[in-house]
């Protein structure tokens, strides 16, 4: 069951990224992230209040807050890298780092992987890289120093997303959803502080606001699915499957926007399906 929930988390997160990407075509990425986090907080409060019995704890607040800060930093670094670098370098690097970190942390914390599961992990990591390739100009055509700087930022962004998965997995193993509330409180505090310091106009209206709010609700839905999944399964496997989110983003871009999917991306999707089967049988 936890494999299905982790995969569902990835598909919902990819949908959130797709919707958020549409919103950033109409407004500032920073403002979109802030409004998205606001919707995520309201969604988390609704689910935590309806499904969680009892209160929260300092442990949930600490791990949830750390997760939220890392996720927000990852998002801001990702947008910065995309704005100043080559997308075909940034996207696969960020996704691969986000996928690899939970696997490494899970193994270090005691997860045991069978030989079949190891093959599934390798296939999943490869699928993230292949699906993320979009065919834009390669890093070789860019200035070498700029490319290396972009690579470093992309790795840090992926580490932020990966740490979000790792820190959420460290929350107490019960049915509480309050860590997600604390995660959004921490991320919103950081974003609002940065917005006020930079005197950034935070207003958003019309279609952009609707898309940002939908993106935030979907993102929180993904986090809820992940948190439930990781409490029943290993961090290495669940965190990896939850990092397959580029697949649904690419598929939505194909069927909603009519974007072309390259042959190498088809291979990535097939590898992702194969990795899920291998992990399920291991």
Protein backbone atom coordinates (compact mmCIF):
# COMPACT_ATOMS: atom_id res chain seq x y z
CA UNK A 1 0.00 0.00 0.00
CA UNK A 2 2.84 2.41 0.84
CA UNK A 3 4.27 1.98 -2.69
CA UNK A 4 0.96 3.05 -4.23
CA UNK A 5 0.69 6.05 -1.88
CA UNK A 6 4.27 7.13 -2.64
CA UNK A 7 3.65 6.89 -6.37
CA UNK A 8 0.37 8.79 -5.98
CA UNK A 9 2.28 11.45 -4.04
CA UNK A 10 4.69 11.84 -6.96
CA UNK A 11 1.91 12.13 -9.52
CA UNK A 12 0.06 14.76 -7.47
CA UNK A 13 3.29 16.71 -6.86
CA UNK A 14 4.06 16.69 -10.57
CA UNK A 15 0.57 18.06 -11.21
CA UNK A 16 1.19 20.80 -8.64
CA UNK A 17 4.43 21.74 -10.41
CA UNK A 18 2.63 21.83 -13.75
CA UNK A 19 -0.08 24.16 -12.41
CA UNK A 20 2.51 26.29 -10.65
CA UNK A 21 4.51 26.49 -13.86
CA UNK A 22 1.45 27.85 -15.66
CA UNK A 23 1.02 30.44 -12.93
CA UNK A 24 4.63 31.64 -13.17
CA UNK A 25 4.04 32.51 -16.82
CA UNK A 26 1.67 35.21 -15.59
CA UNK A 27 3.29 36.49 -12.38
CA UNK A 28 6.47 36.53 -10.28
CA UNK A 29 7.67 33.06 -9.24
CA UNK A 30 8.33 34.31 -5.68
CA UNK A 31 4.78 35.59 -5.27
CA UNK A 32 3.36 32.38 -6.76
CA UNK A 33 5.35 30.29 -4.25
CA UNK A 34 4.11 32.46 -1.38
CA UNK A 35 0.44 32.18 -2.37
CA UNK A 36 0.90 28.47 -3.05
CA UNK A 37 2.31 27.99 0.45
CA UNK A 38 -0.64 29.88 1.90
CA UNK A 39 -3.07 27.50 0.20
CA UNK A 40 -0.94 24.60 1.41
CA UNK A 41 -1.16 25.81 5.00
CA UNK A 42 -4.96 26.13 4.84
CA UNK A 43 -5.20 22.64 3.30
CA UNK A 44 -2.91 21.18 5.98
CA UNK A 45 -4.94 22.81 8.76
CA UNK A 46 -8.16 21.40 7.34
CA UNK A 47 -6.83 17.84 7.08
CA UNK A 48 -4.99 17.96 10.41
CA UNK A 49 -8.09 19.22 12.18
CA UNK A 50 -10.35 16.64 10.56
CA UNK A 51 -8.12 13.55 10.66
CA UNK A 52 -5.77 14.03 13.62
CA UNK A 53 -6.80 13.21 17.15
CA UNK A 54 -5.13 15.12 19.94
CA UNK A 55 -2.62 17.93 19.80
CA UNK A 56 0.87 18.30 18.47
CA UNK A 57 4.35 18.03 19.98
CA UNK A 58 7.65 19.88 19.93
CA UNK A 59 9.16 17.02 17.94
CA UNK A 60 6.55 17.42 15.21
CA UNK A 61 7.07 21.18 15.19
CA UNK A 62 10.86 20.86 14.95
CA UNK A 63 11.04 18.23 12.19
CA UNK A 64 8.10 19.74 10.32
CA UNK A 65 9.59 23.23 10.52
CA UNK A 66 12.96 22.00 9.24
CA UNK A 67 11.23 20.23 6.37
CA UNK A 68 9.30 23.36 5.43
CA UNK A 69 12.40 25.57 5.47
CA UNK A 70 14.35 23.13 3.30
CA UNK A 71 11.48 22.80 0.85
CA UNK A 72 11.10 26.56 0.50
CA UNK A 73 14.83 27.10 0.04
CA UNK A 74 14.84 24.34 -2.57
CA UNK A 75 11.99 25.99 -4.47
CA UNK A 76 13.64 29.43 -4.46
CA UNK A 77 16.99 28.00 -5.56
CA UNK A 78 15.28 26.03 -8.32
CA UNK A 79 13.53 29.10 -9.72
CA UNK A 80 16.79 31.05 -9.53
CA UNK A 81 18.66 28.31 -11.39
CA UNK A 82 15.94 28.05 -14.05
CA UNK A 83 15.95 31.81 -14.56
CA UNK A 84 19.72 32.10 -14.88
CA UNK A 85 20.83 28.77 -16.31
CA UNK A 86 20.14 26.10 -18.89
CA UNK A 87 16.94 24.18 -18.16
CA UNK A 88 18.25 20.94 -19.66
CA UNK A 89 20.99 21.04 -17.02
CA UNK A 90 18.93 22.32 -14.09
CA UNK A 91 15.89 20.02 -14.31
CA UNK A 92 17.62 16.61 -14.32
CA UNK A 93 20.24 17.67 -11.77
CA UNK A 94 17.64 18.93 -9.29
CA UNK A 95 15.36 15.91 -9.73
CA UNK A 96 18.21 13.42 -9.41
CA UNK A 97 19.52 15.07 -6.22
CA UNK A 98 16.02 15.10 -4.73
CA UNK A 99 15.61 11.40 -5.56
CA UNK A 100 19.03 10.27 -4.38
CA UNK A 101 19.11 11.95 -0.96
CA UNK A 102 16.23 9.97 0.64
CA UNK A 103 17.81 6.74 -0.61
CA UNK A 104 21.17 7.63 0.93
CA UNK A 105 19.59 8.79 4.18
CA UNK A 106 17.38 5.70 4.36
CA UNK A 107 20.30 3.32 3.97
CA UNK A 108 22.36 5.26 6.55
CA UNK A 109 19.43 5.12 8.98
CA UNK A 110 19.14 1.34 8.65
CA UNK A 111 16.95 0.55 5.64
CA UNK A 112 17.88 -2.74 3.98
CA UNK A 113 17.48 -3.09 0.22
CA UNK A 114 17.34 -6.42 -1.60
CA UNK A 115 19.25 -6.93 -4.85
CA UNK A 116 15.99 -6.52 -6.77
CA UNK A 117 15.23 -3.31 -4.91
CA UNK A 118 18.69 -1.94 -5.72
CA UNK A 119 18.02 -2.52 -9.42
CA UNK A 120 14.67 -0.75 -9.00
CA UNK A 121 16.41 2.20 -7.32
CA UNK A 122 18.89 2.51 -10.19
CA UNK A 123 16.07 2.37 -12.75
CA UNK A 124 14.10 5.02 -10.87
CA UNK A 125 17.06 7.40 -10.65
CA UNK A 126 17.76 6.93 -14.34
CA UNK A 127 14.09 7.54 -15.17
CA UNK A 128 14.10 10.87 -13.31
CA UNK A 129 17.11 12.01 -15.32
CA UNK A 130 15.70 10.90 -18.66
CA UNK A 131 12.19 12.29 -18.14
CA UNK A 132 13.59 15.65 -17.05
CA UNK A 133 15.60 16.13 -20.25
CA UNK A 134 13.70 18.58 -22.42
CA UNK A 135 15.93 19.02 -25.43
CA UNK A 136 16.84 22.65 -24.94
CA UNK A 137 20.34 23.86 -25.63
CA UNK A 138 22.98 21.87 -23.79
CA UNK A 139 25.25 23.16 -21.06
CA UNK A 140 28.19 22.87 -23.45
CA UNK A 141 26.89 25.85 -25.40
CA UNK A 142 26.80 28.03 -22.30
CA UNK A 143 29.66 29.73 -20.55
CA UNK A 144 31.55 27.10 -18.55
CA UNK A 145 31.73 29.11 -15.36
CA UNK A 146 28.04 29.97 -15.51
CA UNK A 147 27.18 26.32 -16.19
CA UNK A 148 29.17 25.15 -13.17
CA UNK A 149 27.53 27.77 -10.95
CA UNK A 150 24.10 26.73 -12.20
CA UNK A 151 24.97 23.09 -11.55
CA UNK A 152 25.85 23.91 -7.94
CA UNK A 153 22.60 25.81 -7.41
CA UNK A 154 20.60 22.97 -8.97
CA UNK A 155 22.28 20.45 -6.67
CA UNK A 156 21.45 22.62 -3.64
CA UNK A 157 17.84 22.93 -4.82
CA UNK A 158 17.57 19.16 -5.17
CA UNK A 159 19.14 18.74 -1.73
CA UNK A 160 16.48 21.04 -0.30
CA UNK A 161 13.69 18.93 -1.77
CA UNK A 162 15.42 15.72 -0.68
CA UNK A 163 15.82 17.02 2.88
CA UNK A 164 12.12 17.89 2.91
CA UNK A 165 11.39 14.19 2.37
CA UNK A 166 14.01 13.10 4.92
CA UNK A 167 12.92 15.46 7.71
CA UNK A 168 9.24 14.62 7.29
CA UNK A 169 10.14 10.94 7.62
CA UNK A 170 11.77 11.71 11.00
CA UNK A 171 8.49 12.91 12.53
CA UNK A 172 6.88 10.63 15.14
CA UNK A 173 5.32 7.48 13.66
CA UNK A 174 1.67 8.11 14.41
CA UNK A 175 -1.33 9.39 12.49
CA UNK A 176 -0.67 13.09 13.12
CA UNK A 177 -0.61 15.48 10.18
CA UNK A 178 0.52 18.45 12.26
CA UNK A 179 4.13 18.28 10.99
CA UNK A 180 2.80 19.46 7.63
CA UNK A 181 1.14 22.44 9.31
CA UNK A 182 4.42 23.36 10.99
CA UNK A 183 6.25 22.90 7.71
CA UNK A 184 4.04 25.44 5.99
CA UNK A 185 4.20 27.83 8.95
CA UNK A 186 8.00 27.80 8.77
CA UNK A 187 8.12 28.22 5.00
CA UNK A 188 5.57 31.03 5.01
CA UNK A 189 7.47 32.85 7.76
CA UNK A 190 10.63 32.66 5.67
CA UNK A 191 8.88 33.79 2.48
CA UNK A 192 7.04 36.67 4.13
CA UNK A 193 10.27 37.83 5.78
CA UNK A 194 12.08 37.82 2.45
CA UNK A 195 9.17 39.55 0.73
CA UNK A 196 9.06 42.35 3.30
CA UNK A 197 12.83 42.76 3.26
CA UNK A 198 12.82 43.05 -0.53
CA UNK A 199 9.63 45.15 -0.51
CA UNK A 200 8.15 42.78 -3.07
CA UNK A 201 4.49 43.45 -4.02
CA UNK A 202 2.63 40.37 -2.80
CA UNK A 203 -0.74 40.96 -4.43
CA UNK A 204 -2.01 38.41 -6.90
CA UNK A 205 -5.26 38.42 -8.80
CA UNK A 206 -7.29 36.68 -11.46
CA UNK A 207 -6.11 33.51 -13.14
CA UNK A 208 -2.67 33.61 -11.52
CA UNK A 209 -4.17 33.53 -8.04
CA UNK A 210 -6.43 30.60 -8.90
CA UNK A 211 -3.54 28.61 -10.34
CA UNK A 212 -1.28 29.41 -7.38
CA UNK A 213 -3.91 28.32 -4.86
CA UNK A 214 -4.62 25.11 -6.78
CA UNK A 215 -0.91 24.38 -6.97
CA UNK A 216 -0.58 24.83 -3.20
CA UNK A 217 -3.53 22.55 -2.44
CA UNK A 218 -2.16 19.85 -4.75
CA UNK A 219 1.31 20.19 -3.26
CA UNK A 220 -0.06 19.69 0.23
CA UNK A 221 -2.12 16.71 -0.95
CA UNK A 222 1.11 15.20 -2.22
CA UNK A 223 2.82 15.81 1.13
CA UNK A 224 -0.04 14.14 3.01
CA UNK A 225 0.19 11.06 0.79
CA UNK A 226 3.96 10.96 1.26
CA UNK A 227 3.78 11.30 5.05
CA UNK A 228 1.28 8.43 5.32
CA UNK A 229 3.37 6.30 2.96
CA UNK A 230 6.74 6.85 4.65
CA UNK A 231 5.31 5.87 8.05
CA UNK A 232 4.44 2.42 6.67
CA UNK A 233 7.44 1.91 4.38
CA UNK A 234 11.18 2.57 4.20
CA UNK A 235 12.49 6.08 3.56
CA UNK A 236 14.80 4.82 0.79
CA UNK A 237 11.98 3.35 -1.29
CA UNK A 238 9.14 5.76 -0.47
CA UNK A 239 11.32 8.85 -0.85
CA UNK A 240 12.59 7.61 -4.18
CA UNK A 241 9.13 6.89 -5.59
CA UNK A 242 7.86 10.26 -4.37
CA UNK A 243 10.67 11.87 -6.39
CA UNK A 244 9.28 10.56 -9.69
CA UNK A 245 7.17 13.72 -9.95
CA UNK A 246 8.68 14.96 -13.26
CA UNK A 247 6.78 12.16 -15.04
CA UNK A 248 3.32 13.60 -14.44
CA UNK A 249 4.57 17.12 -15.19
CA UNK A 250 5.88 16.00 -18.58
CA UNK A 251 2.73 14.00 -19.37
CA UNK A 252 0.46 16.92 -18.48
CA UNK A 253 2.54 19.23 -20.63
CA UNK A 254 2.12 16.77 -23.49
CA UNK A 255 -1.65 16.30 -23.26
CA UNK A 256 -2.73 19.73 -21.98
CA UNK A 257 -0.26 22.03 -23.74
CA UNK A 258 0.56 19.81 -26.69
CA UNK A 259 4.30 19.82 -25.99
CA UNK A 260 6.33 17.11 -27.68
CA UNK A 261 7.78 14.26 -25.63
CA UNK A 262 11.18 13.19 -26.88
CA UNK A 263 12.05 9.54 -27.38
CA UNK A 264 14.46 9.60 -24.46
CA UNK A 265 11.64 10.79 -22.20
CA UNK A 266 9.50 7.83 -23.28
CA UNK A 267 12.36 5.59 -22.20
CA UNK A 268 12.40 7.38 -18.85
CA UNK A 269 8.68 6.73 -18.31
CA UNK A 270 9.14 3.05 -19.11
CA UNK A 271 12.07 2.85 -16.70
CA UNK A 272 9.94 4.46 -14.00
CA UNK A 273 7.20 1.85 -14.50
CA UNK A 274 9.81 -0.88 -14.39
CA UNK A 275 11.31 0.51 -11.19
CA UNK A 276 7.90 0.50 -9.48
CA UNK A 277 7.35 -3.14 -10.45
CA UNK A 278 10.81 -4.12 -9.21
CA UNK A 279 10.33 -2.34 -5.89
CA UNK A 280 6.90 -3.90 -5.48
CA UNK A 281 8.27 -7.41 -6.03
CA UNK A 282 11.36 -6.96 -3.85
